[in-house]
Amino acid sequence: MGAHFSEQTFDFLDELEHRNEREWFQEHKPIYELELKERMLAVIASLNLALGDFAADCVRPPHKAMMRIYRDVRFSNDKSPYKTYLAAHWPPRGLEKAGGAGYFLQVGVHGVMMAGGAYSPQPPQLRAIRDYVLEHHAELRSLLATPALARLAQPFGGNKLIRAPRGFPIDNPAADLLLNRSWALVSTLPGDVALDEKFTDLVIERFRAFQPVVDFLNVPLAAATPLAQEAATSRRWSA
């Protein structure tokens, strides 16, 4: 039996949407610990075993891969203390804080989202990706066109630029790719797939499809820590 979630998991998350308050959460915390946290850690452990075959640098201890359910409300008008979904993140080893491309899983009542790449790179990392794509766009296009990836994932999306980024040519063959601000591939499924015993198989199928693009992005990202990139450009580049 593969690691997966339960009806109680979704009952908790569904109620949390309506009772997002500390008193309710504390009263029901034993359910959270058993049906959400323990199950999520088991899912992560199962995914780690598979990631070891094709993304060993991204394998993390489950408790480090699992993201906190507590929201950071310091700069938000929404003061709800809890997220209404579970999430985990697998950045490459050594690039956890420097914006490396990795894998991401989010599980909620309204859907499951899997992603691979760099969702919101900071200006130094974004510059490094664009510089690399400028010279390797044909390779990236080939990776994006693989049948498995085309079938399982959406192409890079997000809030794209409407004109070439500053400092880049507008007539380069890579011009359309350089408009991207987000470099993450995304795949979504209905929430109830997380209740299936084959749930982790579905996730790994998509992570495997993401892997060549994730590895491609980590070539420039591995050489572009914020300090190194800013020193090279003498200033912080804007998107």
C-alpha atoms as a PDB file:
ATOM      1  CA  MET A   1       0.000   0.000   0.000  1.00  0.00           C
ATOM      2  CA  GLY A   2       1.517   3.300  -1.075  1.00  0.00           C
ATOM      3  CA  ALA A   3       1.612   6.359   1.150  1.00  0.00           C
ATOM      4  CA  HIS A   4      -1.456   8.541   0.694  1.00  0.00           C
ATOM      5  CA  PHE A   5      -3.945  10.721   2.552  1.00  0.00           C
ATOM      6  CA  SER A   6      -7.305   9.948   4.122  1.00  0.00           C
ATOM      7  CA  GLU A   7     -10.829  11.297   4.148  1.00  0.00           C
ATOM      8  CA  GLN A   8     -10.033  12.617   7.625  1.00  0.00           C
ATOM      9  CA  THR A   9      -7.163  14.598   6.111  1.00  0.00           C
ATOM     10  CA  PHE A  10      -9.515  16.395   3.771  1.00  0.00           C
ATOM     11  CA  ASP A  11     -12.249  16.756   6.395  1.00  0.00           C
ATOM     12  CA  PHE A  12      -9.712  18.591   8.557  1.00  0.00           C
ATOM     13  CA  LEU A  13      -8.554  20.864   5.719  1.00  0.00           C
ATOM     14  CA  ASP A  14     -12.107  21.554   4.644  1.00  0.00           C
ATOM     15  CA  GLU A  15     -13.128  22.571   8.149  1.00  0.00           C
ATOM     16  CA  LEU A  16      -9.936  24.606   8.519  1.00  0.00           C
ATOM     17  CA  GLU A  17     -11.072  26.802   5.628  1.00  0.00           C
ATOM     18  CA  HIS A  18     -14.083  27.813   7.728  1.00  0.00           C
ATOM     19  CA  ARG A  19     -12.498  27.675  11.194  1.00  0.00           C
ATOM     20  CA  ASN A  20      -9.041  29.112  10.565  1.00  0.00           C
ATOM     21  CA  GLU A  21      -8.366  30.069  14.155  1.00  0.00           C
ATOM     22  CA  ARG A  22      -5.922  28.933  16.793  1.00  0.00           C
ATOM     23  CA  GLU A  23      -8.537  27.732  19.258  1.00  0.00           C
ATOM     24  CA  TRP A  24     -10.072  25.333  16.745  1.00  0.00           C
ATOM     25  CA  PHE A  25      -6.689  24.129  15.518  1.00  0.00           C
ATOM     26  CA  GLN A  26      -5.420  23.399  19.025  1.00  0.00           C
ATOM     27  CA  GLU A  27      -8.590  21.500  19.849  1.00  0.00           C
ATOM     28  CA  HIS A  28      -8.146  19.323  16.770  1.00  0.00           C
ATOM     29  CA  LYS A  29      -4.345  19.136  16.773  1.00  0.00           C
ATOM     30  CA  PRO A  30      -4.237  15.361  17.465  1.00  0.00           C
ATOM     31  CA  ILE A  31      -6.057  14.845  14.152  1.00  0.00           C
ATOM     32  CA  TYR A  32      -3.583  17.158  12.435  1.00  0.00           C
ATOM     33  CA  GLU A  33      -0.636  15.215  13.860  1.00  0.00           C
ATOM     34  CA  LEU A  34      -2.000  11.815  12.803  1.00  0.00           C
ATOM     35  CA  GLU A  35      -3.946  12.391   9.592  1.00  0.00           C
ATOM     36  CA  LEU A  36      -2.002  15.307   8.095  1.00  0.00           C
ATOM     37  CA  LYS A  37       1.523  15.567   9.437  1.00  0.00           C
ATOM     38  CA  GLU A  38       2.277  11.839   9.775  1.00  0.00           C
ATOM     39  CA  ARG A  39       0.742  11.046   6.418  1.00  0.00           C
ATOM     40  CA  MET A  40       2.605  13.901   4.724  1.00  0.00           C
ATOM     41  CA  LEU A  41       5.899  12.733   6.208  1.00  0.00           C
ATOM     42  CA  ALA A  42       5.173   9.216   4.937  1.00  0.00           C
ATOM     43  CA  VAL A  43       4.421  10.568   1.456  1.00  0.00           C
ATOM     44  CA  ILE A  44       7.678  12.533   1.484  1.00  0.00           C
ATOM     45  CA  ALA A  45       9.652   9.485   2.626  1.00  0.00           C
ATOM     46  CA  SER A  46       8.171   7.467  -0.233  1.00  0.00           C
ATOM     47  CA  LEU A  47       8.962  10.210  -2.747  1.00  0.00           C
ATOM     48  CA  ASN A  48      12.509  10.445  -1.405  1.00  0.00           C
ATOM     49  CA  LEU A  49      13.111   6.810  -2.293  1.00  0.00           C
ATOM     50  CA  ALA A  50      12.150   7.466  -5.898  1.00  0.00           C
ATOM     51  CA  LEU A  51      13.955  10.830  -6.107  1.00  0.00           C
ATOM     52  CA  GLY A  52      17.133   9.018  -5.132  1.00  0.00           C
ATOM     53  CA  ASP A  53      17.111   7.385  -8.571  1.00  0.00           C
ATOM     54  CA  PHE A  54      17.065  10.570 -10.660  1.00  0.00           C
ATOM     55  CA  ALA A  55      17.406  13.598  -8.355  1.00  0.00           C
ATOM     56  CA  ALA A  56      19.576  12.426  -5.476  1.00  0.00           C
ATOM     57  CA  ASP A  57      20.806  15.952  -4.706  1.00  0.00           C
ATOM     58  CA  CYS A  58      17.230  16.950  -3.905  1.00  0.00           C
ATOM     59  CA  VAL A  59      16.531  14.225  -1.342  1.00  0.00           C
ATOM     60  CA  ARG A  60      15.873  15.781   2.079  1.00  0.00           C
ATOM     61  CA  PRO A  61      14.847  14.428   5.474  1.00  0.00           C
ATOM     62  CA  PRO A  62      11.039  14.421   5.494  1.00  0.00           C
ATOM     63  CA  HIS A  63      10.763  16.893   8.368  1.00  0.00           C
ATOM     64  CA  LYS A  64      12.905  19.377   6.408  1.00  0.00           C
ATOM     65  CA  ALA A  65      11.087  18.879   3.122  1.00  0.00           C
ATOM     66  CA  MET A  66       7.673  19.387   4.710  1.00  0.00           C
ATOM     67  CA  MET A  67       6.674  23.040   4.855  1.00  0.00           C
ATOM     68  CA  ARG A  68       5.050  24.539   7.924  1.00  0.00           C
ATOM     69  CA  ILE A  69       1.276  24.811   8.016  1.00  0.00           C
ATOM     70  CA  TYR A  70       1.612  28.120   9.855  1.00  0.00           C
ATOM     71  CA  ARG A  71       1.257  31.194   7.645  1.00  0.00           C
ATOM     72  CA  ASP A  72       3.629  34.158   7.776  1.00  0.00           C
ATOM     73  CA  VAL A  73       1.120  36.942   8.339  1.00  0.00           C
ATOM     74  CA  ARG A  74       3.561  39.762   9.071  1.00  0.00           C
ATOM     75  CA  PHE A  75       3.074  41.494   5.721  1.00  0.00           C
ATOM     76  CA  SER A  76      -0.352  40.176   4.787  1.00  0.00           C
ATOM     77  CA  ASN A  77      -3.778  41.698   5.195  1.00  0.00           C
ATOM     78  CA  ASP A  78      -5.093  38.161   5.680  1.00  0.00           C
ATOM     79  CA  LYS A  79      -4.252  37.243   9.263  1.00  0.00           C
ATOM     80  CA  SER A  80      -5.534  33.660   9.063  1.00  0.00           C
ATOM     81  CA  PRO A  81      -2.890  31.716  10.997  1.00  0.00           C
ATOM     82  CA  TYR A  82      -2.920  28.482   8.985  1.00  0.00           C
ATOM     83  CA  LYS A  83      -2.503  27.349   5.411  1.00  0.00           C
ATOM     84  CA  THR A  84      -5.392  25.234   4.140  1.00  0.00           C
ATOM     85  CA  TYR A  85      -3.129  22.815   2.285  1.00  0.00           C
ATOM     86  CA  LEU A  86      -0.029  20.711   2.886  1.00  0.00           C
ATOM     87  CA  ALA A  87       3.192  21.318   0.983  1.00  0.00           C
ATOM     88  CA  ALA A  88       6.734  20.036   0.570  1.00  0.00           C
ATOM     89  CA  HIS A  89       9.781  21.360  -1.248  1.00  0.00           C
ATOM     90  CA  TRP A  90      12.919  19.604  -2.519  1.00  0.00           C
ATOM     91  CA  PRO A  91      15.637  22.119  -3.536  1.00  0.00           C
ATOM     92  CA  PRO A  92      19.047  20.814  -4.643  1.00  0.00           C
ATOM     93  CA  ARG A  93      21.619  20.312  -1.932  1.00  0.00           C
ATOM     94  CA  GLY A  94      23.737  23.414  -1.456  1.00  0.00           C
ATOM     95  CA  LEU A  95      21.237  25.699  -3.158  1.00  0.00           C
ATOM     96  CA  GLU A  96      18.489  25.621  -0.536  1.00  0.00           C
ATOM     97  CA  LYS A  97      18.857  29.341   0.198  1.00  0.00           C
ATOM     98  CA  ALA A  98      20.324  30.460  -3.128  1.00  0.00           C
ATOM     99  CA  GLY A  99      17.313  29.741  -5.304  1.00  0.00           C
ATOM    100  CA  GLY A 100      18.148  26.423  -6.916  1.00  0.00           C
ATOM    101  CA  ALA A 101      15.607  24.682  -9.142  1.00  0.00           C
ATOM    102  CA  GLY A 102      13.827  21.852  -7.385  1.00  0.00           C
ATOM    103  CA  TYR A 103      10.557  20.000  -6.893  1.00  0.00           C
ATOM    104  CA  PHE A 104       7.392  21.051  -5.098  1.00  0.00           C
ATOM    105  CA  LEU A 105       4.202  19.314  -3.988  1.00  0.00           C
ATOM    106  CA  GLN A 106       1.008  20.901  -2.664  1.00  0.00           C
ATOM    107  CA  VAL A 107      -1.984  18.884  -1.498  1.00  0.00           C
ATOM    108  CA  GLY A 108      -5.380  20.368  -0.722  1.00  0.00           C
ATOM    109  CA  VAL A 109      -9.074  19.691  -0.970  1.00  0.00           C
ATOM    110  CA  HIS A 110      -9.319  21.703  -4.171  1.00  0.00           C
ATOM    111  CA  GLY A 111      -6.442  20.067  -5.974  1.00  0.00           C
ATOM    112  CA  VAL A 112      -2.934  18.678  -6.047  1.00  0.00           C
ATOM    113  CA  MET A 113      -0.156  20.730  -7.592  1.00  0.00           C
ATOM    114  CA  MET A 114       3.277  19.425  -8.561  1.00  0.00           C
ATOM    115  CA  ALA A 115       5.998  21.716  -9.856  1.00  0.00           C
ATOM    116  CA  GLY A 116       9.573  21.491 -11.006  1.00  0.00           C
ATOM    117  CA  GLY A 117      12.000  24.334 -11.624  1.00  0.00           C
ATOM    118  CA  ALA A 118      12.471  27.820 -10.195  1.00  0.00           C
ATOM    119  CA  TYR A 119       9.111  29.403  -9.440  1.00  0.00           C
ATOM    120  CA  SER A 120      10.142  32.940  -8.517  1.00  0.00           C
ATOM    121  CA  PRO A 121      13.897  33.411  -8.876  1.00  0.00           C
ATOM    122  CA  GLN A 122      15.472  36.518  -7.442  1.00  0.00           C
ATOM    123  CA  PRO A 123      17.028  39.018  -9.867  1.00  0.00           C
ATOM    124  CA  PRO A 124      20.547  37.499  -9.779  1.00  0.00           C
ATOM    125  CA  GLN A 125      19.226  33.996 -10.448  1.00  0.00           C
ATOM    126  CA  LEU A 126      16.795  35.254 -13.070  1.00  0.00           C
ATOM    127  CA  ARG A 127      19.639  36.996 -14.869  1.00  0.00           C
ATOM    128  CA  ALA A 128      21.739  33.825 -14.748  1.00  0.00           C
ATOM    129  CA  ILE A 129      18.923  31.737 -16.242  1.00  0.00           C
ATOM    130  CA  ARG A 130      18.324  34.220 -19.051  1.00  0.00           C
ATOM    131  CA  ASP A 131      22.029  34.464 -19.879  1.00  0.00           C
ATOM    132  CA  TYR A 132      22.206  30.672 -20.108  1.00  0.00           C
ATOM    133  CA  VAL A 133      19.006  30.336 -22.133  1.00  0.00           C
ATOM    134  CA  LEU A 134      20.328  32.936 -24.570  1.00  0.00           C
ATOM    135  CA  GLU A 135      23.039  30.472 -25.588  1.00  0.00           C
ATOM    136  CA  HIS A 136      21.180  27.190 -25.009  1.00  0.00           C
ATOM    137  CA  HIS A 137      17.626  27.915 -26.117  1.00  0.00           C
ATOM    138  CA  ALA A 138      17.580  25.090 -28.669  1.00  0.00           C
ATOM    139  CA  GLU A 139      18.417  22.559 -25.954  1.00  0.00           C
ATOM    140  CA  LEU A 140      15.704  23.936 -23.688  1.00  0.00           C
ATOM    141  CA  ARG A 141      13.108  23.855 -26.472  1.00  0.00           C
ATOM    142  CA  SER A 142      13.999  20.240 -27.139  1.00  0.00           C
ATOM    143  CA  LEU A 143      13.508  19.360 -23.477  1.00  0.00           C
ATOM    144  CA  LEU A 144      10.178  21.160 -23.308  1.00  0.00           C
ATOM    145  CA  ALA A 145       8.950  19.318 -26.400  1.00  0.00           C
ATOM    146  CA  THR A 146       9.437  15.790 -25.020  1.00  0.00           C
ATOM    147  CA  PRO A 147       6.150  13.852 -25.196  1.00  0.00           C
ATOM    148  CA  ALA A 148       6.021  13.026 -21.480  1.00  0.00           C
ATOM    149  CA  LEU A 149       6.499  16.641 -20.474  1.00  0.00           C
ATOM    150  CA  ALA A 150       4.033  17.945 -23.037  1.00  0.00           C
ATOM    151  CA  ARG A 151       1.457  15.443 -21.768  1.00  0.00           C
ATOM    152  CA  LEU A 152       1.933  15.944 -18.038  1.00  0.00           C
ATOM    153  CA  ALA A 153       2.852  19.584 -17.464  1.00  0.00           C
ATOM    154  CA  GLN A 154       1.997  23.126 -18.359  1.00  0.00           C
ATOM    155  CA  PRO A 155       4.813  25.200 -19.885  1.00  0.00           C
ATOM    156  CA  PHE A 156       6.431  28.067 -18.031  1.00  0.00           C
ATOM    157  CA  GLY A 157       3.712  30.499 -17.041  1.00  0.00           C
ATOM    158  CA  GLY A 158       3.249  33.282 -14.580  1.00  0.00           C
ATOM    159  CA  ASN A 159       3.329  36.993 -15.166  1.00  0.00           C
ATOM    160  CA  LYS A 160       5.479  37.205 -18.301  1.00  0.00           C
ATOM    161  CA  LEU A 161       7.097  40.357 -19.559  1.00  0.00           C
ATOM    162  CA  ILE A 162       5.543  42.026 -22.585  1.00  0.00           C
ATOM    163  CA  ARG A 163       8.885  43.119 -24.021  1.00  0.00           C
ATOM    164  CA  ALA A 164      12.458  41.870 -23.880  1.00  0.00           C
ATOM    165  CA  PRO A 165      14.113  42.262 -20.481  1.00  0.00           C
ATOM    166  CA  ARG A 166      16.562  45.102 -20.106  1.00  0.00           C
ATOM    167  CA  GLY A 167      19.945  44.336 -21.594  1.00  0.00           C
ATOM    168  CA  PHE A 168      18.764  41.515 -23.868  1.00  0.00           C
ATOM    169  CA  PRO A 169      18.300  41.656 -27.654  1.00  0.00           C
ATOM    170  CA  ILE A 170      14.737  41.689 -28.967  1.00  0.00           C
ATOM    171  CA  ASP A 171      15.579  39.794 -32.162  1.00  0.00           C
ATOM    172  CA  ASN A 172      17.372  36.820 -30.625  1.00  0.00           C
ATOM    173  CA  PRO A 173      15.874  33.338 -31.319  1.00  0.00           C
ATOM    174  CA  ALA A 174      15.467  32.945 -27.554  1.00  0.00           C
ATOM    175  CA  ALA A 175      13.480  36.180 -27.188  1.00  0.00           C
ATOM    176  CA  ASP A 176      10.152  34.514 -26.378  1.00  0.00           C
ATOM    177  CA  LEU A 177      11.720  32.353 -23.662  1.00  0.00           C
ATOM    178  CA  LEU A 178      13.449  35.332 -22.077  1.00  0.00           C
ATOM    179  CA  LEU A 179      10.069  36.888 -21.302  1.00  0.00           C
ATOM    180  CA  ASN A 180       9.534  34.320 -18.545  1.00  0.00           C
ATOM    181  CA  ARG A 181       9.766  35.446 -14.944  1.00  0.00           C
ATOM    182  CA  SER A 182       8.776  32.058 -13.566  1.00  0.00           C
ATOM    183  CA  TRP A 183      10.759  29.019 -14.690  1.00  0.00           C
ATOM    184  CA  ALA A 184       8.645  26.318 -13.076  1.00  0.00           C
ATOM    185  CA  LEU A 185       6.732  23.580 -14.850  1.00  0.00           C
ATOM    186  CA  VAL A 186       3.390  22.831 -13.216  1.00  0.00           C
ATOM    187  CA  SER A 187       1.029  19.874 -13.247  1.00  0.00           C
ATOM    188  CA  THR A 188      -2.320  19.810 -11.467  1.00  0.00           C
ATOM    189  CA  LEU A 189      -4.696  16.990 -10.552  1.00  0.00           C
ATOM    190  CA  PRO A 190      -7.992  16.784  -8.649  1.00  0.00           C
ATOM    191  CA  GLY A 191      -7.592  16.696  -4.893  1.00  0.00           C
ATOM    192  CA  ASP A 192      -9.052  13.230  -4.487  1.00  0.00           C
ATOM    193  CA  VAL A 193      -6.064  11.589  -6.230  1.00  0.00           C
ATOM    194  CA  ALA A 194      -4.235  12.143  -2.936  1.00  0.00           C
ATOM    195  CA  LEU A 195      -6.568   9.569  -1.355  1.00  0.00           C
ATOM    196  CA  ASP A 196      -5.458   6.851  -3.772  1.00  0.00           C
ATOM    197  CA  GLU A 197      -2.884   4.207  -2.855  1.00  0.00           C
ATOM    198  CA  LYS A 198      -1.036   5.025  -6.105  1.00  0.00           C
ATOM    199  CA  PHE A 199      -0.766   8.720  -5.268  1.00  0.00           C
ATOM    200  CA  THR A 200       3.002   8.812  -4.953  1.00  0.00           C
ATOM    201  CA  ASP A 201       3.329   7.044  -8.327  1.00  0.00           C
ATOM    202  CA  LEU A 202       1.447   9.931  -9.954  1.00  0.00           C
ATOM    203  CA  VAL A 203       3.700  12.478  -8.285  1.00  0.00           C
ATOM    204  CA  ILE A 204       6.912  10.703  -9.244  1.00  0.00           C
ATOM    205  CA  GLU A 205       5.748  10.298 -12.835  1.00  0.00           C
ATOM    206  CA  ARG A 206       5.569  14.078 -13.063  1.00  0.00           C
ATOM    207  CA  PHE A 207       8.771  14.726 -11.129  1.00  0.00           C
ATOM    208  CA  ARG A 208      10.599  12.412 -13.547  1.00  0.00           C
ATOM    209  CA  ALA A 209       9.181  14.360 -16.476  1.00  0.00           C
ATOM    210  CA  PHE A 210      10.351  17.625 -14.885  1.00  0.00           C
ATOM    211  CA  GLN A 211      13.863  16.358 -14.167  1.00  0.00           C
ATOM    212  CA  PRO A 212      15.684  17.255 -17.422  1.00  0.00           C
ATOM    213  CA  VAL A 213      14.434  20.850 -17.245  1.00  0.00           C
ATOM    214  CA  VAL A 214      15.226  21.110 -13.529  1.00  0.00           C
ATOM    215  CA  ASP A 215      18.774  19.895 -14.234  1.00  0.00           C
ATOM    216  CA  PHE A 216      19.072  22.347 -17.135  1.00  0.00           C
ATOM    217  CA  LEU A 217      18.118  25.289 -14.901  1.00  0.00           C
ATOM    218  CA  ASN A 218      20.496  24.260 -12.142  1.00  0.00           C
ATOM    219  CA  VAL A 219      23.510  24.672 -14.433  1.00  0.00           C
ATOM    220  CA  PRO A 220      23.317  28.487 -14.360  1.00  0.00           C
ATOM    221  CA  LEU A 221      21.768  28.613 -10.896  1.00  0.00           C
ATOM    222  CA  ALA A 222      24.615  26.642  -9.337  1.00  0.00           C
ATOM    223  CA  ALA A 223      27.006  29.364 -10.488  1.00  0.00           C
ATOM    224  CA  ALA A 224      24.828  32.300  -9.474  1.00  0.00           C
ATOM    225  CA  THR A 225      24.573  32.977  -5.790  1.00  0.00           C
ATOM    226  CA  PRO A 226      23.128  36.442  -5.120  1.00  0.00           C
ATOM    227  CA  LEU A 227      26.463  37.928  -4.059  1.00  0.00           C
ATOM    228  CA  ALA A 228      28.416  36.473  -6.962  1.00  0.00           C
ATOM    229  CA  GLN A 229      25.893  37.576  -9.532  1.00  0.00           C
ATOM    230  CA  GLU A 230      25.569  41.070  -8.136  1.00  0.00           C
ATOM    231  CA  ALA A 231      29.344  41.428  -8.146  1.00  0.00           C
ATOM    232  CA  ALA A 232      29.438  40.354 -11.775  1.00  0.00           C
ATOM    233  CA  THR A 233      26.784  42.833 -12.861  1.00  0.00           C
ATOM    234  CA  SER A 234      27.774  45.614 -10.434  1.00  0.00           C
ATOM    235  CA  ARG A 235      24.106  46.149  -9.686  1.00  0.00           C
ATOM    236  CA  ARG A 236      20.901  44.272  -9.000  1.00  0.00           C
ATOM    237  CA  TRP A 237      19.037  43.499 -12.196  1.00  0.00           C
ATOM    238  CA  SER A 238      15.315  44.032 -12.310  1.00  0.00           C
ATOM    239  CA  ALA A 239      12.886  41.727 -14.078  1.00  0.00           C
END
